[in-house]
């Protein structure tokens, strides 16, 4: 914690903006190093990527935004051109103990909180894969499964959903799997506890919050993705943020 506080003092003294490379080259280099280290810790492959966000709720929001646009793409819909209104009957699955930010994210993304389908948990307070399968089988053709949100470390109990089984179901059905590991990701720093997050590496996106089990004094959440092309949905090119001389310099 002492190191974190000292680093926070230096960061605030520099007050570097990361809007452009020119304004914060050293900070961007640190961020890229950190993201690479965290993707490796999570067991993600060479195509993995990530970005820092101010809090776990924002990471969950971004993960579901990417899931929403991926679902639209599977339906042959251009989400940028037509918006989410063109996505029929969106559904987001999570356990009944999932963080409230899942509901809030769906509201903010235009899916509506009613899109969230909470699933029952077992006697260990973990999402039941059989309930997920049953809910998917019950969906009609007018519904679009957008994502399955697996929780790795619930806020109240610290329980971890059965990640390998959920990932298998999501892969078989072609659904985005987002893992909310805001609390649980810290177990990967421990040789003794890391195996409790087995299957995390199978997620399409992962939320982790270094403010919680990373001992950082300020909100310091991260969204990791298994494939950097997932961020294509967020691409914007504008001259004042993407100057030609920076691009030419690599």
C-alpha atoms as a PDB file:
ATOM      1  CA  UNK A   1       0.000   0.000   0.000  1.00  0.00           C
ATOM      2  CA  UNK A   2       2.886   2.394   0.751  1.00  0.00           C
ATOM      3  CA  UNK A   3       4.219   1.959  -2.779  1.00  0.00           C
ATOM      4  CA  UNK A   4       0.721   2.525  -4.195  1.00  0.00           C
ATOM      5  CA  UNK A   5       0.313   5.781  -2.261  1.00  0.00           C
ATOM      6  CA  UNK A   6       3.739   7.022  -3.395  1.00  0.00           C
ATOM      7  CA  UNK A   7       2.918   6.185  -7.011  1.00  0.00           C
ATOM      8  CA  UNK A   8      -0.431   7.964  -6.675  1.00  0.00           C
ATOM      9  CA  UNK A   9       1.344  11.115  -5.470  1.00  0.00           C
ATOM     10  CA  UNK A  10       3.640  11.052  -8.507  1.00  0.00           C
ATOM     11  CA  UNK A  11       0.748  10.407 -10.886  1.00  0.00           C
ATOM     12  CA  UNK A  12      -1.250  13.313  -9.472  1.00  0.00           C
ATOM     13  CA  UNK A  13       1.767  15.619  -9.571  1.00  0.00           C
ATOM     14  CA  UNK A  14       2.312  14.833 -13.236  1.00  0.00           C
ATOM     15  CA  UNK A  15      -1.428  14.929 -13.985  1.00  0.00           C
ATOM     16  CA  UNK A  16      -0.835  13.390 -17.408  1.00  0.00           C
ATOM     17  CA  UNK A  17      -3.802  13.181 -19.760  1.00  0.00           C
ATOM     18  CA  UNK A  18      -3.984   9.986 -21.817  1.00  0.00           C
ATOM     19  CA  UNK A  19      -6.174  11.532 -24.533  1.00  0.00           C
ATOM     20  CA  UNK A  20      -3.190  11.655 -26.890  1.00  0.00           C
ATOM     21  CA  UNK A  21       0.253  10.101 -26.964  1.00  0.00           C
ATOM     22  CA  UNK A  22       1.903  13.542 -26.898  1.00  0.00           C
ATOM     23  CA  UNK A  23       0.348  14.447 -23.550  1.00  0.00           C
ATOM     24  CA  UNK A  24       1.243  11.265 -21.681  1.00  0.00           C
ATOM     25  CA  UNK A  25       3.777   9.015 -23.423  1.00  0.00           C
ATOM     26  CA  UNK A  26       5.299   7.613 -20.231  1.00  0.00           C
ATOM     27  CA  UNK A  27       1.890   6.988 -18.649  1.00  0.00           C
ATOM     28  CA  UNK A  28       0.686   5.220 -21.787  1.00  0.00           C
ATOM     29  CA  UNK A  29       3.811   3.044 -21.756  1.00  0.00           C
ATOM     30  CA  UNK A  30       3.072   2.077 -18.127  1.00  0.00           C
ATOM     31  CA  UNK A  31      -0.559   1.345 -18.987  1.00  0.00           C
ATOM     32  CA  UNK A  32       0.415  -0.884 -21.918  1.00  0.00           C
ATOM     33  CA  UNK A  33       2.905  -2.762 -19.726  1.00  0.00           C
ATOM     34  CA  UNK A  34       0.276  -3.233 -17.020  1.00  0.00           C
ATOM     35  CA  UNK A  35      -2.360  -4.488 -19.470  1.00  0.00           C
ATOM     36  CA  UNK A  36       0.100  -6.980 -20.949  1.00  0.00           C
ATOM     37  CA  UNK A  37       1.053  -8.257 -17.495  1.00  0.00           C
ATOM     38  CA  UNK A  38      -2.599  -8.655 -16.474  1.00  0.00           C
ATOM     39  CA  UNK A  39      -3.621 -10.457 -19.671  1.00  0.00           C
ATOM     40  CA  UNK A  40      -0.820 -12.950 -19.068  1.00  0.00           C
ATOM     41  CA  UNK A  41      -1.828 -13.358 -15.434  1.00  0.00           C
ATOM     42  CA  UNK A  42      -5.389 -14.077 -16.581  1.00  0.00           C
ATOM     43  CA  UNK A  43      -4.110 -16.735 -18.982  1.00  0.00           C
ATOM     44  CA  UNK A  44      -5.335 -14.936 -22.099  1.00  0.00           C
ATOM     45  CA  UNK A  45      -3.611 -15.457 -25.452  1.00  0.00           C
ATOM     46  CA  UNK A  46      -1.384 -13.286 -27.615  1.00  0.00           C
ATOM     47  CA  UNK A  47      -4.361 -11.469 -29.168  1.00  0.00           C
ATOM     48  CA  UNK A  48      -5.594 -10.232 -25.778  1.00  0.00           C
ATOM     49  CA  UNK A  49      -5.795  -6.546 -24.921  1.00  0.00           C
ATOM     50  CA  UNK A  50      -7.271  -4.248 -22.321  1.00  0.00           C
ATOM     51  CA  UNK A  51      -7.923  -0.740 -21.096  1.00  0.00           C
ATOM     52  CA  UNK A  52      -8.091   0.961 -17.706  1.00  0.00           C
ATOM     53  CA  UNK A  53     -11.411   2.408 -16.506  1.00  0.00           C
ATOM     54  CA  UNK A  54     -12.438   4.430 -13.429  1.00  0.00           C
ATOM     55  CA  UNK A  55     -14.182   1.613 -11.562  1.00  0.00           C
ATOM     56  CA  UNK A  56     -15.528  -1.899 -11.966  1.00  0.00           C
ATOM     57  CA  UNK A  57     -18.999  -0.685 -12.962  1.00  0.00           C
ATOM     58  CA  UNK A  58     -17.499   1.125 -15.960  1.00  0.00           C
ATOM     59  CA  UNK A  59     -15.550  -1.986 -16.949  1.00  0.00           C
ATOM     60  CA  UNK A  60     -18.752  -4.035 -16.808  1.00  0.00           C
ATOM     61  CA  UNK A  61     -20.502  -1.384 -18.894  1.00  0.00           C
ATOM     62  CA  UNK A  62     -17.802  -1.520 -21.549  1.00  0.00           C
ATOM     63  CA  UNK A  63     -17.734  -5.323 -21.561  1.00  0.00           C
ATOM     64  CA  UNK A  64     -21.481  -5.442 -22.177  1.00  0.00           C
ATOM     65  CA  UNK A  65     -21.196  -2.730 -24.826  1.00  0.00           C
ATOM     66  CA  UNK A  66     -18.754  -4.946 -26.736  1.00  0.00           C
ATOM     67  CA  UNK A  67     -21.066  -7.933 -26.197  1.00  0.00           C
ATOM     68  CA  UNK A  68     -24.064  -5.952 -27.466  1.00  0.00           C
ATOM     69  CA  UNK A  69     -22.274  -4.939 -30.658  1.00  0.00           C
ATOM     70  CA  UNK A  70     -20.983  -8.493 -31.185  1.00  0.00           C
ATOM     71  CA  UNK A  71     -24.559  -9.806 -30.863  1.00  0.00           C
ATOM     72  CA  UNK A  72     -25.752  -7.227 -33.383  1.00  0.00           C
ATOM     73  CA  UNK A  73     -22.977  -8.278 -35.763  1.00  0.00           C
ATOM     74  CA  UNK A  74     -24.059 -11.928 -35.486  1.00  0.00           C
ATOM     75  CA  UNK A  75     -27.542 -10.806 -36.475  1.00  0.00           C
ATOM     76  CA  UNK A  76     -26.164  -8.945 -39.467  1.00  0.00           C
ATOM     77  CA  UNK A  77     -27.009  -5.573 -37.904  1.00  0.00           C
ATOM     78  CA  UNK A  78     -24.774  -2.504 -38.079  1.00  0.00           C
ATOM     79  CA  UNK A  79     -25.120  -1.299 -34.486  1.00  0.00           C
ATOM     80  CA  UNK A  80     -23.518   2.066 -35.256  1.00  0.00           C
ATOM     81  CA  UNK A  81     -25.902   2.815 -38.116  1.00  0.00           C
ATOM     82  CA  UNK A  82     -29.135   1.398 -36.714  1.00  0.00           C
ATOM     83  CA  UNK A  83     -28.682   1.454 -32.947  1.00  0.00           C
ATOM     84  CA  UNK A  84     -29.820  -1.127 -30.435  1.00  0.00           C
ATOM     85  CA  UNK A  85     -33.471  -0.718 -31.393  1.00  0.00           C
ATOM     86  CA  UNK A  86     -32.736  -3.028 -34.320  1.00  0.00           C
ATOM     87  CA  UNK A  87     -31.636  -5.803 -31.918  1.00  0.00           C
ATOM     88  CA  UNK A  88     -34.730  -7.929 -31.229  1.00  0.00           C
ATOM     89  CA  UNK A  89     -35.490  -8.968 -27.657  1.00  0.00           C
ATOM     90  CA  UNK A  90     -32.019  -8.652 -26.080  1.00  0.00           C
ATOM     91  CA  UNK A  91     -31.316 -10.895 -23.080  1.00  0.00           C
ATOM     92  CA  UNK A  92     -28.352 -10.779 -20.680  1.00  0.00           C
ATOM     93  CA  UNK A  93     -27.950 -13.714 -18.295  1.00  0.00           C
ATOM     94  CA  UNK A  94     -26.319 -13.485 -14.873  1.00  0.00           C
ATOM     95  CA  UNK A  95     -26.738 -15.077 -11.462  1.00  0.00           C
ATOM     96  CA  UNK A  96     -29.210 -13.699  -8.971  1.00  0.00           C
ATOM     97  CA  UNK A  97     -26.194 -12.579  -6.900  1.00  0.00           C
ATOM     98  CA  UNK A  98     -24.503 -10.653  -9.720  1.00  0.00           C
ATOM     99  CA  UNK A  99     -23.442  -7.062  -9.075  1.00  0.00           C
ATOM    100  CA  UNK A 100     -26.131  -4.436  -9.702  1.00  0.00           C
ATOM    101  CA  UNK A 101     -23.903  -2.814 -12.335  1.00  0.00           C
ATOM    102  CA  UNK A 102     -25.083  -5.463 -14.811  1.00  0.00           C
ATOM    103  CA  UNK A 103     -28.613  -4.032 -14.604  1.00  0.00           C
ATOM    104  CA  UNK A 104     -27.314  -0.470 -14.679  1.00  0.00           C
ATOM    105  CA  UNK A 105     -25.166  -1.190 -17.744  1.00  0.00           C
ATOM    106  CA  UNK A 106     -28.111  -2.660 -19.641  1.00  0.00           C
ATOM    107  CA  UNK A 107     -30.142   0.445 -18.845  1.00  0.00           C
ATOM    108  CA  UNK A 108     -27.349   2.752 -20.024  1.00  0.00           C
ATOM    109  CA  UNK A 109     -26.801   0.745 -23.229  1.00  0.00           C
ATOM    110  CA  UNK A 110     -30.438   1.017 -24.259  1.00  0.00           C
ATOM    111  CA  UNK A 111     -31.179  -2.650 -23.656  1.00  0.00           C
ATOM    112  CA  UNK A 112     -33.262  -1.870 -20.576  1.00  0.00           C
ATOM    113  CA  UNK A 113     -32.980  -3.447 -17.141  1.00  0.00           C
ATOM    114  CA  UNK A 114     -35.729  -5.856 -18.175  1.00  0.00           C
ATOM    115  CA  UNK A 115     -33.196  -7.458 -20.524  1.00  0.00           C
ATOM    116  CA  UNK A 116     -31.378  -8.904 -17.487  1.00  0.00           C
ATOM    117  CA  UNK A 117     -32.395 -12.496 -16.733  1.00  0.00           C
ATOM    118  CA  UNK A 118     -31.143 -13.461 -13.239  1.00  0.00           C
ATOM    119  CA  UNK A 119     -30.516 -17.185 -12.817  1.00  0.00           C
ATOM    120  CA  UNK A 120     -30.830 -19.196  -9.583  1.00  0.00           C
ATOM    121  CA  UNK A 121     -27.740 -20.244  -7.649  1.00  0.00           C
ATOM    122  CA  UNK A 122     -26.829 -23.546  -6.024  1.00  0.00           C
ATOM    123  CA  UNK A 123     -26.220 -24.221  -2.325  1.00  0.00           C
ATOM    124  CA  UNK A 124     -22.747 -22.703  -2.707  1.00  0.00           C
ATOM    125  CA  UNK A 125     -24.250 -19.493  -4.115  1.00  0.00           C
ATOM    126  CA  UNK A 126     -22.918 -20.122  -7.645  1.00  0.00           C
ATOM    127  CA  UNK A 127     -24.813 -19.792 -10.919  1.00  0.00           C
ATOM    128  CA  UNK A 128     -26.368 -23.104 -11.931  1.00  0.00           C
ATOM    129  CA  UNK A 129     -25.254 -24.140 -15.458  1.00  0.00           C
ATOM    130  CA  UNK A 130     -28.387 -26.280 -15.845  1.00  0.00           C
ATOM    131  CA  UNK A 131     -30.515 -23.188 -15.199  1.00  0.00           C
ATOM    132  CA  UNK A 132     -28.549 -21.310 -17.859  1.00  0.00           C
ATOM    133  CA  UNK A 133     -29.129 -24.106 -20.384  1.00  0.00           C
ATOM    134  CA  UNK A 134     -32.831 -24.249 -19.572  1.00  0.00           C
ATOM    135  CA  UNK A 135     -33.171 -20.478 -19.950  1.00  0.00           C
ATOM    136  CA  UNK A 136     -31.392 -20.548 -23.315  1.00  0.00           C
ATOM    137  CA  UNK A 137     -33.554 -23.405 -24.549  1.00  0.00           C
ATOM    138  CA  UNK A 138     -36.666 -21.453 -23.526  1.00  0.00           C
ATOM    139  CA  UNK A 139     -35.765 -18.427 -25.651  1.00  0.00           C
ATOM    140  CA  UNK A 140     -37.973 -17.885 -28.651  1.00  0.00           C
ATOM    141  CA  UNK A 141     -36.722 -16.826 -32.113  1.00  0.00           C
ATOM    142  CA  UNK A 142     -37.650 -13.236 -31.293  1.00  0.00           C
ATOM    143  CA  UNK A 143     -35.078 -13.045 -28.479  1.00  0.00           C
ATOM    144  CA  UNK A 144     -31.347 -12.298 -28.830  1.00  0.00           C
ATOM    145  CA  UNK A 145     -28.960 -13.677 -26.183  1.00  0.00           C
ATOM    146  CA  UNK A 146     -26.419 -10.865 -25.835  1.00  0.00           C
ATOM    147  CA  UNK A 147     -24.133 -12.135 -23.073  1.00  0.00           C
ATOM    148  CA  UNK A 148     -23.677 -14.389 -20.095  1.00  0.00           C
ATOM    149  CA  UNK A 149     -22.169 -12.534 -17.132  1.00  0.00           C
ATOM    150  CA  UNK A 150     -20.301 -14.919 -14.835  1.00  0.00           C
ATOM    151  CA  UNK A 151     -19.283 -13.552 -11.441  1.00  0.00           C
ATOM    152  CA  UNK A 152     -15.845 -14.415 -10.097  1.00  0.00           C
ATOM    153  CA  UNK A 153     -16.146 -13.171  -6.540  1.00  0.00           C
ATOM    154  CA  UNK A 154     -19.622 -11.982  -5.548  1.00  0.00           C
ATOM    155  CA  UNK A 155     -19.745  -8.834  -3.435  1.00  0.00           C
ATOM    156  CA  UNK A 156     -21.648 -10.413  -0.553  1.00  0.00           C
ATOM    157  CA  UNK A 157     -20.143 -13.908  -0.399  1.00  0.00           C
ATOM    158  CA  UNK A 158     -16.991 -13.975  -2.553  1.00  0.00           C
ATOM    159  CA  UNK A 159     -18.287 -17.008  -4.457  1.00  0.00           C
ATOM    160  CA  UNK A 160     -17.121 -17.851  -7.963  1.00  0.00           C
ATOM    161  CA  UNK A 161     -19.533 -19.121 -10.602  1.00  0.00           C
ATOM    162  CA  UNK A 162     -18.520 -22.382 -12.367  1.00  0.00           C
ATOM    163  CA  UNK A 163     -16.526 -20.633 -15.083  1.00  0.00           C
ATOM    164  CA  UNK A 164     -15.502 -23.666 -17.219  1.00  0.00           C
ATOM    165  CA  UNK A 165     -19.078 -24.941 -17.528  1.00  0.00           C
ATOM    166  CA  UNK A 166     -20.473 -21.476 -18.280  1.00  0.00           C
ATOM    167  CA  UNK A 167     -17.750 -20.875 -20.879  1.00  0.00           C
ATOM    168  CA  UNK A 168     -18.537 -24.193 -22.562  1.00  0.00           C
ATOM    169  CA  UNK A 169     -22.238 -23.347 -22.814  1.00  0.00           C
ATOM    170  CA  UNK A 170     -21.514 -19.826 -24.082  1.00  0.00           C
ATOM    171  CA  UNK A 171     -19.123 -21.156 -26.735  1.00  0.00           C
ATOM    172  CA  UNK A 172     -21.572 -23.821 -27.901  1.00  0.00           C
ATOM    173  CA  UNK A 173     -24.352 -21.235 -28.264  1.00  0.00           C
ATOM    174  CA  UNK A 174     -22.134 -18.528 -29.745  1.00  0.00           C
ATOM    175  CA  UNK A 175     -22.771 -16.089 -26.887  1.00  0.00           C
ATOM    176  CA  UNK A 176     -20.340 -13.559 -25.429  1.00  0.00           C
ATOM    177  CA  UNK A 177     -19.102 -14.492 -21.956  1.00  0.00           C
ATOM    178  CA  UNK A 178     -18.192 -11.613 -19.680  1.00  0.00           C
ATOM    179  CA  UNK A 179     -16.544 -12.423 -16.346  1.00  0.00           C
ATOM    180  CA  UNK A 180     -17.032  -9.894 -13.577  1.00  0.00           C
ATOM    181  CA  UNK A 181     -13.892 -10.622 -11.548  1.00  0.00           C
ATOM    182  CA  UNK A 182     -13.712  -7.187  -9.933  1.00  0.00           C
ATOM    183  CA  UNK A 183     -13.328  -8.854  -6.535  1.00  0.00           C
ATOM    184  CA  UNK A 184     -11.995 -12.287  -7.416  1.00  0.00           C
ATOM    185  CA  UNK A 185      -9.186 -11.452  -9.849  1.00  0.00           C
ATOM    186  CA  UNK A 186      -6.827 -10.803  -6.954  1.00  0.00           C
ATOM    187  CA  UNK A 187      -6.766 -14.552  -6.262  1.00  0.00           C
ATOM    188  CA  UNK A 188      -4.498 -14.880  -9.307  1.00  0.00           C
ATOM    189  CA  UNK A 189      -1.750 -13.132  -7.353  1.00  0.00           C
ATOM    190  CA  UNK A 190      -1.729 -16.119  -4.984  1.00  0.00           C
ATOM    191  CA  UNK A 191      -0.284 -19.524  -5.879  1.00  0.00           C
ATOM    192  CA  UNK A 192      -2.599 -21.061  -3.286  1.00  0.00           C
ATOM    193  CA  UNK A 193      -5.828 -19.446  -4.490  1.00  0.00           C
ATOM    194  CA  UNK A 194      -5.306 -19.034  -8.244  1.00  0.00           C
ATOM    195  CA  UNK A 195      -6.948 -22.341  -9.161  1.00  0.00           C
ATOM    196  CA  UNK A 196     -10.254 -21.030  -7.819  1.00  0.00           C
ATOM    197  CA  UNK A 197     -10.475 -18.928 -10.977  1.00  0.00           C
ATOM    198  CA  UNK A 198      -9.915 -21.829 -13.374  1.00  0.00           C
ATOM    199  CA  UNK A 199     -11.793 -21.084 -16.572  1.00  0.00           C
ATOM    200  CA  UNK A 200     -11.394 -17.311 -16.363  1.00  0.00           C
ATOM    201  CA  UNK A 201      -9.112 -17.493 -19.390  1.00  0.00           C
ATOM    202  CA  UNK A 202     -12.078 -18.729 -21.460  1.00  0.00           C
ATOM    203  CA  UNK A 203     -14.033 -15.470 -21.102  1.00  0.00           C
ATOM    204  CA  UNK A 204     -14.379 -13.000 -23.970  1.00  0.00           C
ATOM    205  CA  UNK A 205     -14.017 -10.074 -21.557  1.00  0.00           C
ATOM    206  CA  UNK A 206     -12.984  -9.747 -17.927  1.00  0.00           C
ATOM    207  CA  UNK A 207     -13.486  -6.994 -15.355  1.00  0.00           C
ATOM    208  CA  UNK A 208     -10.912  -6.653 -12.593  1.00  0.00           C
ATOM    209  CA  UNK A 209     -10.588  -3.907 -10.020  1.00  0.00           C
ATOM    210  CA  UNK A 210      -7.141  -3.183  -8.636  1.00  0.00           C
ATOM    211  CA  UNK A 211      -8.751  -0.816  -6.122  1.00  0.00           C
ATOM    212  CA  UNK A 212     -10.130  -3.873  -4.325  1.00  0.00           C
ATOM    213  CA  UNK A 213      -7.639  -6.726  -4.158  1.00  0.00           C
ATOM    214  CA  UNK A 214      -4.835  -4.858  -5.916  1.00  0.00           C
ATOM    215  CA  UNK A 215      -4.452  -2.489  -2.931  1.00  0.00           C
ATOM    216  CA  UNK A 216      -4.631   0.700  -5.002  1.00  0.00           C
ATOM    217  CA  UNK A 217      -5.800   3.877  -3.203  1.00  0.00           C
ATOM    218  CA  UNK A 218      -7.874   5.120  -6.150  1.00  0.00           C
ATOM    219  CA  UNK A 219     -10.410   3.574  -8.513  1.00  0.00           C
ATOM    220  CA  UNK A 220      -8.290   1.531 -10.899  1.00  0.00           C
ATOM    221  CA  UNK A 221     -10.351  -0.988 -12.799  1.00  0.00           C
ATOM    222  CA  UNK A 222      -9.397  -2.772 -16.017  1.00  0.00           C
ATOM    223  CA  UNK A 223     -11.346  -4.391 -18.814  1.00  0.00           C
ATOM    224  CA  UNK A 224      -9.478  -7.231 -20.524  1.00  0.00           C
ATOM    225  CA  UNK A 225     -10.589  -8.825 -23.799  1.00  0.00           C
ATOM    226  CA  UNK A 226      -9.442 -12.112 -25.278  1.00  0.00           C
ATOM    227  CA  UNK A 227      -9.181 -10.605 -28.773  1.00  0.00           C
ATOM    228  CA  UNK A 228      -8.104  -7.023 -29.422  1.00  0.00           C
ATOM    229  CA  UNK A 229     -10.419  -6.798 -32.452  1.00  0.00           C
ATOM    230  CA  UNK A 230     -13.311  -6.625 -29.966  1.00  0.00           C
ATOM    231  CA  UNK A 231     -12.388  -2.960 -29.507  1.00  0.00           C
ATOM    232  CA  UNK A 232     -13.157  -2.271 -33.180  1.00  0.00           C
ATOM    233  CA  UNK A 233     -16.640  -1.219 -32.101  1.00  0.00           C
ATOM    234  CA  UNK A 234     -15.055   1.728 -30.260  1.00  0.00           C
ATOM    235  CA  UNK A 235     -12.741   2.896 -33.053  1.00  0.00           C
ATOM    236  CA  UNK A 236     -12.862   6.586 -33.901  1.00  0.00           C
ATOM    237  CA  UNK A 237     -10.311   8.507 -35.935  1.00  0.00           C
ATOM    238  CA  UNK A 238     -10.177  12.275 -35.449  1.00  0.00           C
ATOM    239  CA  UNK A 239      -7.278  14.553 -36.285  1.00  0.00           C
ATOM    240  CA  UNK A 240      -6.864  16.134 -32.855  1.00  0.00           C
ATOM    241  CA  UNK A 241      -6.655  12.729 -31.116  1.00  0.00           C
ATOM    242  CA  UNK A 242      -4.857  10.823 -33.872  1.00  0.00           C
ATOM    243  CA  UNK A 243      -2.315  13.258 -35.355  1.00  0.00           C
ATOM    244  CA  UNK A 244      -0.560  12.075 -38.487  1.00  0.00           C
ATOM    245  CA  UNK A 245       2.940  12.666 -37.094  1.00  0.00           C
ATOM    246  CA  UNK A 246       2.260  10.309 -34.166  1.00  0.00           C
ATOM    247  CA  UNK A 247       1.049   7.596 -36.533  1.00  0.00           C
ATOM    248  CA  UNK A 248       4.057   8.067 -38.776  1.00  0.00           C
ATOM    249  CA  UNK A 249       6.352   7.762 -35.744  1.00  0.00           C
ATOM    250  CA  UNK A 250       4.704   4.454 -34.784  1.00  0.00           C
END
